[in-house]
PDB file of N, CA and C in Angstrom:
ATOM      1  N   UNK A   1       0.853  -1.171   0.000  1.00  0.00           N
ATOM      2  CA  UNK A   1       0.000   0.000   0.000  1.00  0.00           C
ATOM      3  C   UNK A   1       0.902   1.239   0.000  1.00  0.00           C
ATOM      4  N   UNK A   2       0.664   2.197  -0.891  1.00  0.00           N
ATOM      5  CA  UNK A   2       1.527   3.386  -0.930  1.00  0.00           C
ATOM      6  C   UNK A   2       1.404   4.225   0.335  1.00  0.00           C
ATOM      7  N   UNK A   3       2.550   4.599   0.867  1.00  0.00           N
ATOM      8  CA  UNK A   3       2.589   5.453   2.054  1.00  0.00           C
ATOM      9  C   UNK A   3       2.742   6.906   1.619  1.00  0.00           C
ATOM     10  N   UNK A   4       2.308   7.805   2.476  1.00  0.00           N
ATOM     11  CA  UNK A   4       2.441   9.214   2.162  1.00  0.00           C
ATOM     12  C   UNK A   4       2.191  10.070   3.373  1.00  0.00           C
ATOM     13  N   UNK A   5       2.052  11.356   3.115  1.00  0.00           N
ATOM     14  CA  UNK A   5       1.712  12.305   4.169  1.00  0.00           C
ATOM     15  C   UNK A   5       0.528  13.145   3.721  1.00  0.00           C
ATOM     16  N   UNK A   6      -0.321  13.439   4.659  1.00  0.00           N
ATOM     17  CA  UNK A   6      -1.477  14.310   4.472  1.00  0.00           C
ATOM     18  C   UNK A   6      -1.129  15.564   5.259  1.00  0.00           C
ATOM     19  N   UNK A   7      -0.943  16.678   4.576  1.00  0.00           N
ATOM     20  CA  UNK A   7      -0.475  17.911   5.191  1.00  0.00           C
ATOM     21  C   UNK A   7      -1.619  18.914   5.219  1.00  0.00           C
ATOM     22  N   UNK A   8      -1.927  19.420   6.416  1.00  0.00           N
ATOM     23  CA  UNK A   8      -3.062  20.331   6.586  1.00  0.00           C
ATOM     24  C   UNK A   8      -2.583  21.619   7.262  1.00  0.00           C
ATOM     25  N   UNK A   9      -2.813  22.744   6.588  1.00  0.00           N
ATOM     26  CA  UNK A   9      -2.496  24.071   7.127  1.00  0.00           C
ATOM     27  C   UNK A   9      -3.775  24.685   7.666  1.00  0.00           C
ATOM     28  N   UNK A  10      -3.738  25.152   8.923  1.00  0.00           N
ATOM     29  CA  UNK A  10      -4.926  25.750   9.544  1.00  0.00           C
ATOM     30  C   UNK A  10      -4.535  26.922  10.434  1.00  0.00           C
ATOM     31  N   UNK A  11      -5.568  27.596  10.911  1.00  0.00           N
ATOM     32  CA  UNK A  11      -5.455  28.661  11.905  1.00  0.00           C
ATOM     33  C   UNK A  11      -6.602  28.508  12.891  1.00  0.00           C
ATOM     34  N   UNK A  12      -6.446  29.069  14.076  1.00  0.00           N
ATOM     35  CA  UNK A  12      -7.604  29.151  14.970  1.00  0.00           C
ATOM     36  C   UNK A  12      -8.658  30.067  14.338  1.00  0.00           C
ATOM     37  N   UNK A  13      -9.907  29.856  14.691  1.00  0.00           N
ATOM     38  CA  UNK A  13     -10.992  30.683  14.151  1.00  0.00           C
ATOM     39  C   UNK A  13     -10.808  32.145  14.547  1.00  0.00           C
ATOM     40  N   UNK A  14     -10.182  32.399  15.690  1.00  0.00           N
ATOM     41  CA  UNK A  14      -9.864  33.763  16.113  1.00  0.00           C
ATOM     42  C   UNK A  14      -8.696  33.666  17.101  1.00  0.00           C
ATOM     43  N   UNK A  15      -7.970  34.753  17.298  1.00  0.00           N
ATOM     44  CA  UNK A  15      -6.854  34.722  18.257  1.00  0.00           C
ATOM     45  C   UNK A  15      -7.301  34.339  19.671  1.00  0.00           C
ATOM     46  N   UNK A  16      -8.505  34.724  20.052  1.00  0.00           N
ATOM     47  CA  UNK A  16      -8.999  34.402  21.397  1.00  0.00           C
ATOM     48  C   UNK A  16      -9.221  32.907  21.592  1.00  0.00           C
ATOM     49  N   UNK A  17      -9.387  32.174  20.498  1.00  0.00           N
ATOM     50  CA  UNK A  17      -9.663  30.734  20.585  1.00  0.00           C
ATOM     51  C   UNK A  17      -8.418  29.867  20.409  1.00  0.00           C
ATOM     52  N   UNK A  18      -7.233  30.471  20.402  1.00  0.00           N
ATOM     53  CA  UNK A  18      -6.022  29.700  20.122  1.00  0.00           C
ATOM     54  C   UNK A  18      -5.779  28.574  21.125  1.00  0.00           C
ATOM     55  N   UNK A  19      -5.952  28.823  22.412  1.00  0.00           N
ATOM     56  CA  UNK A  19      -5.757  27.753  23.399  1.00  0.00           C
ATOM     57  C   UNK A  19      -6.766  26.632  23.198  1.00  0.00           C
ATOM     58  N   UNK A  20      -8.019  27.000  22.973  1.00  0.00           N
ATOM     59  CA  UNK A  20      -9.067  25.996  22.744  1.00  0.00           C
ATOM     60  C   UNK A  20      -8.797  25.220  21.451  1.00  0.00           C
ATOM     61  N   UNK A  21      -8.348  25.917  20.428  1.00  0.00           N
ATOM     62  CA  UNK A  21      -7.980  25.302  19.146  1.00  0.00           C
ATOM     63  C   UNK A  21      -6.893  24.240  19.371  1.00  0.00           C
ATOM     64  N   UNK A  22      -5.859  24.576  20.116  1.00  0.00           N
ATOM     65  CA  UNK A  22      -4.776  23.621  20.369  1.00  0.00           C
ATOM     66  C   UNK A  22      -5.241  22.445  21.211  1.00  0.00           C
ATOM     67  N   UNK A  23      -6.095  22.701  22.204  1.00  0.00           N
ATOM     68  CA  UNK A  23      -6.662  21.590  22.998  1.00  0.00           C
ATOM     69  C   UNK A  23      -7.504  20.679  22.120  1.00  0.00           C
ATOM     70  N   UNK A  24      -8.344  21.279  21.265  1.00  0.00           N
ATOM     71  CA  UNK A  24      -9.196  20.492  20.376  1.00  0.00           C
ATOM     72  C   UNK A  24      -8.340  19.589  19.481  1.00  0.00           C
ATOM     73  N   UNK A  25      -7.324  20.139  18.875  1.00  0.00           N
ATOM     74  CA  UNK A  25      -6.459  19.329  18.019  1.00  0.00           C
ATOM     75  C   UNK A  25      -5.833  18.177  18.796  1.00  0.00           C
ATOM     76  N   UNK A  26      -5.272  18.476  19.969  1.00  0.00           N
ATOM     77  CA  UNK A  26      -4.560  17.468  20.748  1.00  0.00           C
ATOM     78  C   UNK A  26      -5.478  16.420  21.365  1.00  0.00           C
ATOM     79  N   UNK A  27      -6.650  16.845  21.843  1.00  0.00           N
ATOM     80  CA  UNK A  27      -7.505  15.936  22.610  1.00  0.00           C
ATOM     81  C   UNK A  27      -8.649  15.316  21.812  1.00  0.00           C
ATOM     82  N   UNK A  28      -9.045  15.933  20.697  1.00  0.00           N
ATOM     83  CA  UNK A  28     -10.203  15.434  19.944  1.00  0.00           C
ATOM     84  C   UNK A  28      -9.835  15.077  18.505  1.00  0.00           C
ATOM     85  N   UNK A  29      -9.404  16.057  17.757  1.00  0.00           N
ATOM     86  CA  UNK A  29      -9.252  15.880  16.315  1.00  0.00           C
ATOM     87  C   UNK A  29      -8.203  14.834  15.937  1.00  0.00           C
ATOM     88  N   UNK A  30      -6.999  14.974  16.446  1.00  0.00           N
ATOM     89  CA  UNK A  30      -5.955  14.005  16.094  1.00  0.00           C
ATOM     90  C   UNK A  30      -6.296  12.599  16.585  1.00  0.00           C
ATOM     91  N   UNK A  31      -6.707  12.420  17.845  1.00  0.00           N
ATOM     92  CA  UNK A  31      -7.076  11.059  18.260  1.00  0.00           C
ATOM     93  C   UNK A  31      -8.201  10.468  17.407  1.00  0.00           C
ATOM     94  N   UNK A  32      -9.155  11.313  17.009  1.00  0.00           N
ATOM     95  CA  UNK A  32     -10.247  10.837  16.163  1.00  0.00           C
ATOM     96  C   UNK A  32      -9.711  10.335  14.815  1.00  0.00           C
ATOM     97  N   UNK A  33      -8.859  11.120  14.188  1.00  0.00           N
ATOM     98  CA  UNK A  33      -8.325  10.706  12.888  1.00  0.00           C
ATOM     99  C   UNK A  33      -7.415   9.491  13.012  1.00  0.00           C
ATOM    100  N   UNK A  34      -6.627   9.418  14.068  1.00  0.00           N
ATOM    101  CA  UNK A  34      -5.738   8.265  14.234  1.00  0.00           C
ATOM    102  C   UNK A  34      -6.514   6.976  14.490  1.00  0.00           C
ATOM    103  N   UNK A  35      -7.775   7.091  14.829  1.00  0.00           N
ATOM    104  CA  UNK A  35      -8.627   5.920  14.994  1.00  0.00           C
ATOM    105  C   UNK A  35      -9.260   5.454  13.694  1.00  0.00           C
ATOM    106  N   UNK A  36      -9.033   6.171  12.620  1.00  0.00           N
ATOM    107  CA  UNK A  36      -9.613   5.830  11.315  1.00  0.00           C
ATOM    108  C   UNK A  36      -8.610   5.064  10.468  1.00  0.00           C
ATOM    109  N   UNK A  37      -9.120   4.213   9.574  1.00  0.00           N
ATOM    110  CA  UNK A  37      -8.223   3.462   8.695  1.00  0.00           C
ATOM    111  C   UNK A  37      -7.341   4.394   7.867  1.00  0.00           C
ATOM    112  N   UNK A  38      -6.091   4.014   7.741  1.00  0.00           N
ATOM    113  CA  UNK A  38      -5.173   4.750   6.891  1.00  0.00           C
ATOM    114  C   UNK A  38      -4.316   5.775   7.600  1.00  0.00           C
ATOM    115  N   UNK A  39      -4.655   6.153   8.843  1.00  0.00           N
ATOM    116  CA  UNK A  39      -3.867   7.132   9.588  1.00  0.00           C
ATOM    117  C   UNK A  39      -2.954   6.417  10.581  1.00  0.00           C
ATOM    118  N   UNK A  40      -1.660   6.757  10.560  1.00  0.00           N
ATOM    119  CA  UNK A  40      -0.693   6.048  11.406  1.00  0.00           C
ATOM    120  C   UNK A  40       0.082   6.948  12.355  1.00  0.00           C
ATOM    121  N   UNK A  41       0.005   8.239  12.195  1.00  0.00           N
ATOM    122  CA  UNK A  41       0.729   9.138  13.080  1.00  0.00           C
ATOM    123  C   UNK A  41       0.427  10.573  12.709  1.00  0.00           C
ATOM    124  N   UNK A  42       0.711  11.477  13.628  1.00  0.00           N
ATOM    125  CA  UNK A  42       0.462  12.896  13.381  1.00  0.00           C
ATOM    126  C   UNK A  42       1.481  13.721  14.149  1.00  0.00           C
ATOM    127  N   UNK A  43       1.916  14.786  13.511  1.00  0.00           N
ATOM    128  CA  UNK A  43       2.810  15.751  14.146  1.00  0.00           C
ATOM    129  C   UNK A  43       2.285  17.139  13.828  1.00  0.00           C
ATOM    130  N   UNK A  44       2.288  18.007  14.844  1.00  0.00           N
ATOM    131  CA  UNK A  44       1.813  19.394  14.646  1.00  0.00           C
ATOM    132  C   UNK A  44       2.968  20.354  14.820  1.00  0.00           C
ATOM    133  N   UNK A  45       2.886  21.457  14.068  1.00  0.00           N
ATOM    134  CA  UNK A  45       3.914  22.480  14.118  1.00  0.00           C
ATOM    135  C   UNK A  45       3.269  23.858  14.088  1.00  0.00           C
ATOM    136  N   UNK A  46       3.946  24.814  14.730  1.00  0.00           N
ATOM    137  CA  UNK A  46       3.528  26.215  14.705  1.00  0.00           C
ATOM    138  C   UNK A  46       4.600  26.974  13.930  1.00  0.00           C
ATOM    139  N   UNK A  47       4.185  27.980  13.174  1.00  0.00           N
ATOM    140  CA  UNK A  47       5.107  28.789  12.395  1.00  0.00           C
ATOM    141  C   UNK A  47       6.157  29.417  13.310  1.00  0.00           C
ATOM    142  N   UNK A  48       7.411  29.247  12.954  1.00  0.00           N
ATOM    143  CA  UNK A  48       8.513  29.820  13.725  1.00  0.00           C
ATOM    144  C   UNK A  48       8.684  31.275  13.314  1.00  0.00           C
ATOM    145  N   UNK A  49       8.398  32.167  14.230  1.00  0.00           N
ATOM    146  CA  UNK A  49       8.470  33.598  13.908  1.00  0.00           C
ATOM    147  C   UNK A  49       9.890  34.066  13.647  1.00  0.00           C
ATOM    148  N   UNK A  50      10.874  33.380  14.196  1.00  0.00           N
ATOM    149  CA  UNK A  50      12.260  33.809  14.032  1.00  0.00           C
ATOM    150  C   UNK A  50      12.888  33.302  12.736  1.00  0.00           C
ATOM    151  N   UNK A  51      12.193  32.426  12.026  1.00  0.00           N
ATOM    152  CA  UNK A  51      12.747  31.851  10.798  1.00  0.00           C
ATOM    153  C   UNK A  51      12.243  32.616   9.573  1.00  0.00           C
ATOM    154  N   UNK A  52      12.767  32.238   8.431  1.00  0.00           N
ATOM    155  CA  UNK A  52      12.307  32.845   7.175  1.00  0.00           C
ATOM    156  C   UNK A  52      10.805  32.620   7.048  1.00  0.00           C
ATOM    157  N   UNK A  53      10.081  33.629   6.673  1.00  0.00           N
ATOM    158  CA  UNK A  53       8.630  33.550   6.572  1.00  0.00           C
ATOM    159  C   UNK A  53       8.196  32.882   5.271  1.00  0.00           C
ATOM    160  N   UNK A  54       7.082  32.151   5.302  1.00  0.00           N
ATOM    161  CA  UNK A  54       6.610  31.458   4.100  1.00  0.00           C
ATOM    162  C   UNK A  54       6.060  32.438   3.064  1.00  0.00           C
ATOM    163  N   UNK A  55       5.980  31.965   1.844  1.00  0.00           N
ATOM    164  CA  UNK A  55       5.386  32.747   0.754  1.00  0.00           C
ATOM    165  C   UNK A  55       4.347  31.882   0.060  1.00  0.00           C
ATOM    166  N   UNK A  56       3.543  32.493  -0.759  1.00  0.00           N
ATOM    167  CA  UNK A  56       2.549  31.752  -1.528  1.00  0.00           C
ATOM    168  C   UNK A  56       1.329  31.393  -0.705  1.00  0.00           C
ATOM    169  N   UNK A  57       0.688  30.299  -1.101  1.00  0.00           N
ATOM    170  CA  UNK A  57      -0.596  29.900  -0.527  1.00  0.00           C
ATOM    171  C   UNK A  57      -0.535  29.625   0.969  1.00  0.00           C
ATOM    172  N   UNK A  58       0.607  29.187   1.485  1.00  0.00           N
ATOM    173  CA  UNK A  58       0.671  28.846   2.910  1.00  0.00           C
ATOM    174  C   UNK A  58       1.034  30.023   3.797  1.00  0.00           C
ATOM    175  N   UNK A  59       1.297  31.175   3.219  1.00  0.00           N
ATOM    176  CA  UNK A  59       1.741  32.336   3.996  1.00  0.00           C
ATOM    177  C   UNK A  59       0.718  32.794   5.034  1.00  0.00           C
ATOM    178  N   UNK A  60      -0.545  32.464   4.845  1.00  0.00           N
ATOM    179  CA  UNK A  60      -1.586  32.916   5.764  1.00  0.00           C
ATOM    180  C   UNK A  60      -1.836  31.965   6.932  1.00  0.00           C
ATOM    181  N   UNK A  61      -1.069  30.885   7.030  1.00  0.00           N
ATOM    182  CA  UNK A  61      -1.340  29.876   8.056  1.00  0.00           C
ATOM    183  C   UNK A  61      -0.254  29.840   9.117  1.00  0.00           C
ATOM    184  N   UNK A  62      -0.681  29.686  10.359  1.00  0.00           N
ATOM    185  CA  UNK A  62       0.252  29.619  11.486  1.00  0.00           C
ATOM    186  C   UNK A  62       0.534  28.194  11.945  1.00  0.00           C
ATOM    187  N   UNK A  63      -0.331  27.242  11.570  1.00  0.00           N
ATOM    188  CA  UNK A  63      -0.180  25.863  12.028  1.00  0.00           C
ATOM    189  C   UNK A  63      -0.210  24.892  10.857  1.00  0.00           C
ATOM    190  N   UNK A  64       0.551  23.799  11.014  1.00  0.00           N
ATOM    191  CA  UNK A  64       0.505  22.712  10.047  1.00  0.00           C
ATOM    192  C   UNK A  64       0.502  21.395  10.823  1.00  0.00           C
ATOM    193  N   UNK A  65      -0.295  20.460  10.342  1.00  0.00           N
ATOM    194  CA  UNK A  65      -0.313  19.105  10.891  1.00  0.00           C
ATOM    195  C   UNK A  65       0.069  18.167   9.769  1.00  0.00           C
ATOM    196  N   UNK A  66       0.998  17.256  10.056  1.00  0.00           N
ATOM    197  CA  UNK A  66       1.445  16.287   9.062  1.00  0.00           C
ATOM    198  C   UNK A  66       1.054  14.911   9.569  1.00  0.00           C
ATOM    199  N   UNK A  67       0.162  14.263   8.825  1.00  0.00           N
ATOM    200  CA  UNK A  67      -0.307  12.927   9.168  1.00  0.00           C
ATOM    201  C   UNK A  67       0.419  11.903   8.308  1.00  0.00           C
ATOM    202  N   UNK A  68       0.852  10.801   8.907  1.00  0.00           N
ATOM    203  CA  UNK A  68       1.400   9.670   8.158  1.00  0.00           C
ATOM    204  C   UNK A  68       0.216   8.806   7.751  1.00  0.00           C
ATOM    205  N   UNK A  69       0.101   8.533   6.446  1.00  0.00           N
ATOM    206  CA  UNK A  69      -1.095   7.857   5.945  1.00  0.00           C
ATOM    207  C   UNK A  69      -0.759   6.777   4.927  1.00  0.00           C
ATOM    208  N   UNK A  70      -1.719   5.873   4.752  1.00  0.00           N
ATOM    209  CA  UNK A  70      -1.742   4.942   3.626  1.00  0.00           C
ATOM    210  C   UNK A  70      -2.624   5.608   2.580  1.00  0.00           C
ATOM    211  N   UNK A  71      -2.084   5.912   1.421  1.00  0.00           N
ATOM    212  CA  UNK A  71      -2.794   6.668   0.389  1.00  0.00           C
ATOM    213  C   UNK A  71      -4.112   5.999  -0.003  1.00  0.00           C
ATOM    214  N   UNK A  72      -4.107   4.695  -0.238  1.00  0.00           N
ATOM    215  CA  UNK A  72      -5.323   4.007  -0.687  1.00  0.00           C
ATOM    216  C   UNK A  72      -6.430   4.077   0.361  1.00  0.00           C
ATOM    217  N   UNK A  73      -6.089   3.866   1.627  1.00  0.00           N
ATOM    218  CA  UNK A  73      -7.079   3.938   2.704  1.00  0.00           C
ATOM    219  C   UNK A  73      -7.609   5.356   2.861  1.00  0.00           C
ATOM    220  N   UNK A  74      -6.740   6.334   2.729  1.00  0.00           N
ATOM    221  CA  UNK A  74      -7.151   7.728   2.850  1.00  0.00           C
ATOM    222  C   UNK A  74      -8.206   8.068   1.800  1.00  0.00           C
ATOM    223  N   UNK A  75      -7.996   7.629   0.579  1.00  0.00           N
ATOM    224  CA  UNK A  75      -8.960   7.897  -0.497  1.00  0.00           C
ATOM    225  C   UNK A  75     -10.302   7.237  -0.203  1.00  0.00           C
ATOM    226  N   UNK A  76     -10.291   6.036   0.348  1.00  0.00           N
ATOM    227  CA  UNK A  76     -11.528   5.307   0.637  1.00  0.00           C
ATOM    228  C   UNK A  76     -12.363   5.975   1.726  1.00  0.00           C
ATOM    229  N   UNK A  77     -11.706   6.660   2.667  1.00  0.00           N
ATOM    230  CA  UNK A  77     -12.431   7.198   3.817  1.00  0.00           C
ATOM    231  C   UNK A  77     -12.666   8.701   3.732  1.00  0.00           C
ATOM    232  N   UNK A  78     -12.422   9.313   2.584  1.00  0.00           N
ATOM    233  CA  UNK A  78     -12.561  10.773   2.446  1.00  0.00           C
ATOM    234  C   UNK A  78     -13.952  11.254   2.843  1.00  0.00           C
ATOM    235  N   UNK A  79     -15.003  10.651   2.304  1.00  0.00           N
ATOM    236  CA  UNK A  79     -16.369  11.090   2.621  1.00  0.00           C
ATOM    237  C   UNK A  79     -16.718  10.826   4.082  1.00  0.00           C
ATOM    238  N   UNK A  80     -16.240   9.722   4.619  1.00  0.00           N
ATOM    239  CA  UNK A  80     -16.500   9.402   6.025  1.00  0.00           C
ATOM    240  C   UNK A  80     -15.872  10.455   6.932  1.00  0.00           C
ATOM    241  N   UNK A  81     -14.652  10.883   6.636  1.00  0.00           N
ATOM    242  CA  UNK A  81     -13.987  11.913   7.435  1.00  0.00           C
ATOM    243  C   UNK A  81     -14.739  13.233   7.339  1.00  0.00           C
ATOM    244  N   UNK A  82     -15.154  13.587   6.125  1.00  0.00           N
ATOM    245  CA  UNK A  82     -15.889  14.845   5.932  1.00  0.00           C
ATOM    246  C   UNK A  82     -17.196  14.825   6.720  1.00  0.00           C
ATOM    247  N   UNK A  83     -17.889  13.695   6.713  1.00  0.00           N
ATOM    248  CA  UNK A  83     -19.153  13.574   7.446  1.00  0.00           C
ATOM    249  C   UNK A  83     -18.916  13.697   8.953  1.00  0.00           C
ATOM    250  N   UNK A  84     -17.821  13.118   9.448  1.00  0.00           N
ATOM    251  CA  UNK A  84     -17.512  13.193  10.876  1.00  0.00           C
ATOM    252  C   UNK A  84     -17.242  14.634  11.296  1.00  0.00           C
ATOM    253  N   UNK A  85     -16.549  15.375  10.462  1.00  0.00           N
ATOM    254  CA  UNK A  85     -16.269  16.778  10.778  1.00  0.00           C
ATOM    255  C   UNK A  85     -17.568  17.577  10.784  1.00  0.00           C
ATOM    256  N   UNK A  86     -18.438  17.335   9.798  1.00  0.00           N
ATOM    257  CA  UNK A  86     -19.726  18.051   9.743  1.00  0.00           C
ATOM    258  C   UNK A  86     -20.610  17.695  10.935  1.00  0.00           C
ATOM    259  N   UNK A  87     -20.490  16.474  11.439  1.00  0.00           N
ATOM    260  CA  UNK A  87     -21.343  16.007  12.542  1.00  0.00           C
ATOM    261  C   UNK A  87     -20.958  16.631  13.875  1.00  0.00           C
ATOM    262  N   UNK A  88     -19.861  17.316  13.941  1.00  0.00           N
ATOM    263  CA  UNK A  88     -19.409  17.916  15.186  1.00  0.00           C
ATOM    264  C   UNK A  88     -20.142  19.198  15.529  1.00  0.00           C
ATOM    265  N   UNK A  89     -21.365  19.345  15.081  1.00  0.00           N
ATOM    266  CA  UNK A  89     -22.116  20.539  15.455  1.00  0.00           C
ATOM    267  C   UNK A  89     -22.424  20.462  16.938  1.00  0.00           C
ATOM    268  N   UNK A  90     -22.778  21.545  17.523  1.00  0.00           N
ATOM    269  CA  UNK A  90     -23.045  21.559  18.946  1.00  0.00           C
ATOM    270  C   UNK A  90     -21.931  22.220  19.720  1.00  0.00           C
ATOM    271  N   UNK A  91     -20.732  22.209  19.168  1.00  0.00           N
ATOM    272  CA  UNK A  91     -19.654  22.965  19.800  1.00  0.00           C
ATOM    273  C   UNK A  91     -19.131  23.958  18.776  1.00  0.00           C
ATOM    274  N   UNK A  92     -18.767  25.140  19.215  1.00  0.00           N
ATOM    275  CA  UNK A  92     -18.311  26.144  18.259  1.00  0.00           C
ATOM    276  C   UNK A  92     -17.029  25.699  17.575  1.00  0.00           C
ATOM    277  N   UNK A  93     -16.904  26.033  16.322  1.00  0.00           N
ATOM    278  CA  UNK A  93     -15.709  25.660  15.585  1.00  0.00           C
ATOM    279  C   UNK A  93     -14.544  26.513  16.054  1.00  0.00           C
ATOM    280  N   UNK A  94     -13.453  25.870  16.387  1.00  0.00           N
ATOM    281  CA  UNK A  94     -12.258  26.591  16.813  1.00  0.00           C
ATOM    282  C   UNK A  94     -11.232  26.665  15.684  1.00  0.00           C
ATOM    283  N   UNK A  95     -11.547  25.992  14.566  1.00  0.00           N
ATOM    284  CA  UNK A  95     -10.658  26.000  13.400  1.00  0.00           C
ATOM    285  C   UNK A  95     -11.253  26.920  12.360  1.00  0.00           C
ATOM    286  N   UNK A  96     -10.409  27.737  11.734  1.00  0.00           N
ATOM    287  CA  UNK A  96     -10.921  28.616  10.687  1.00  0.00           C
ATOM    288  C   UNK A  96     -11.556  27.770   9.582  1.00  0.00           C
ATOM    289  N   UNK A  97     -12.363  28.396   8.761  1.00  0.00           N
ATOM    290  CA  UNK A  97     -13.126  27.642   7.758  1.00  0.00           C
ATOM    291  C   UNK A  97     -12.432  27.558   6.404  1.00  0.00           C
ATOM    292  N   UNK A  98     -11.140  27.811   6.351  1.00  0.00           N
ATOM    293  CA  UNK A  98     -10.452  27.731   5.062  1.00  0.00           C
ATOM    294  C   UNK A  98      -9.099  27.041   5.168  1.00  0.00           C
ATOM    295  N   UNK A  99      -9.078  25.781   5.634  1.00  0.00           N
ATOM    296  CA  UNK A  99      -7.790  25.090   5.679  1.00  0.00           C
ATOM    297  C   UNK A  99      -7.275  24.808   4.264  1.00  0.00           C
ATOM    298  N   UNK A 100      -5.990  24.618   4.142  1.00  0.00           N
ATOM    299  CA  UNK A 100      -5.358  24.212   2.895  1.00  0.00           C
ATOM    300  C   UNK A 100      -4.717  22.863   3.162  1.00  0.00           C
ATOM    301  N   UNK A 101      -4.879  21.927   2.251  1.00  0.00           N
ATOM    302  CA  UNK A 101      -4.307  20.606   2.483  1.00  0.00           C
ATOM    303  C   UNK A 101      -3.849  19.966   1.181  1.00  0.00           C
ATOM    304  N   UNK A 102      -2.999  18.955   1.322  1.00  0.00           N
ATOM    305  CA  UNK A 102      -2.504  18.194   0.178  1.00  0.00           C
ATOM    306  C   UNK A 102      -2.052  16.831   0.674  1.00  0.00           C
ATOM    307  N   UNK A 103      -2.089  15.852  -0.210  1.00  0.00           N
ATOM    308  CA  UNK A 103      -1.592  14.513   0.090  1.00  0.00           C
ATOM    309  C   UNK A 103      -0.411  14.255  -0.827  1.00  0.00           C
ATOM    310  N   UNK A 104       0.708  13.866  -0.234  1.00  0.00           N
ATOM    311  CA  UNK A 104       1.908  13.565  -1.000  1.00  0.00           C
ATOM    312  C   UNK A 104       2.242  12.087  -0.839  1.00  0.00           C
ATOM    313  N   UNK A 105       2.522  11.450  -1.946  1.00  0.00           N
ATOM    314  CA  UNK A 105       2.886  10.030  -1.962  1.00  0.00           C
ATOM    315  C   UNK A 105       4.388   9.883  -1.856  1.00  0.00           C
ATOM    316  N   UNK A 106       4.825   8.936  -1.031  1.00  0.00           N
ATOM    317  CA  UNK A 106       6.234   8.689  -0.863  1.00  0.00           C
ATOM    318  C   UNK A 106       6.839   8.170  -2.165  1.00  0.00           C
ATOM    319  N   UNK A 107       8.029   8.618  -2.482  1.00  0.00           N
ATOM    320  CA  UNK A 107       8.715   8.144  -3.686  1.00  0.00           C
ATOM    321  C   UNK A 107      10.037   7.502  -3.313  1.00  0.00           C
ATOM    322  N   UNK A 108      10.510   6.637  -4.175  1.00  0.00           N
ATOM    323  CA  UNK A 108      11.828   6.038  -3.981  1.00  0.00           C
ATOM    324  C   UNK A 108      12.869   7.031  -4.492  1.00  0.00           C
ATOM    325  N   UNK A 109      13.933   7.203  -3.717  1.00  0.00           N
ATOM    326  CA  UNK A 109      14.958   8.133  -4.188  1.00  0.00           C
ATOM    327  C   UNK A 109      16.214   7.412  -4.597  1.00  0.00           C
TER     328      UNK A 109
END
């Protein structure tokens, strides 16, 4: 099965929700995704203010999560994941509504 990474760039819905956003990711979102087929690990990062700043499409994002995935399983569960995210009504969204994401397949070098 092809291995890869699922890379998601996000921001908190507002600066006031940053702590709640980080708790949600750590305690709810990542554990939920790691319980789904095709997800094997996750690492989160915050933009380093002291480093060279990003350009292009990712310049507007402060956070990135990199998931280790099986590409075939990820494709099979896309609609299921989307439905699970939509079903989380009842609690205010702490993630902005315009994430950017991509899936990269591992290559032999």
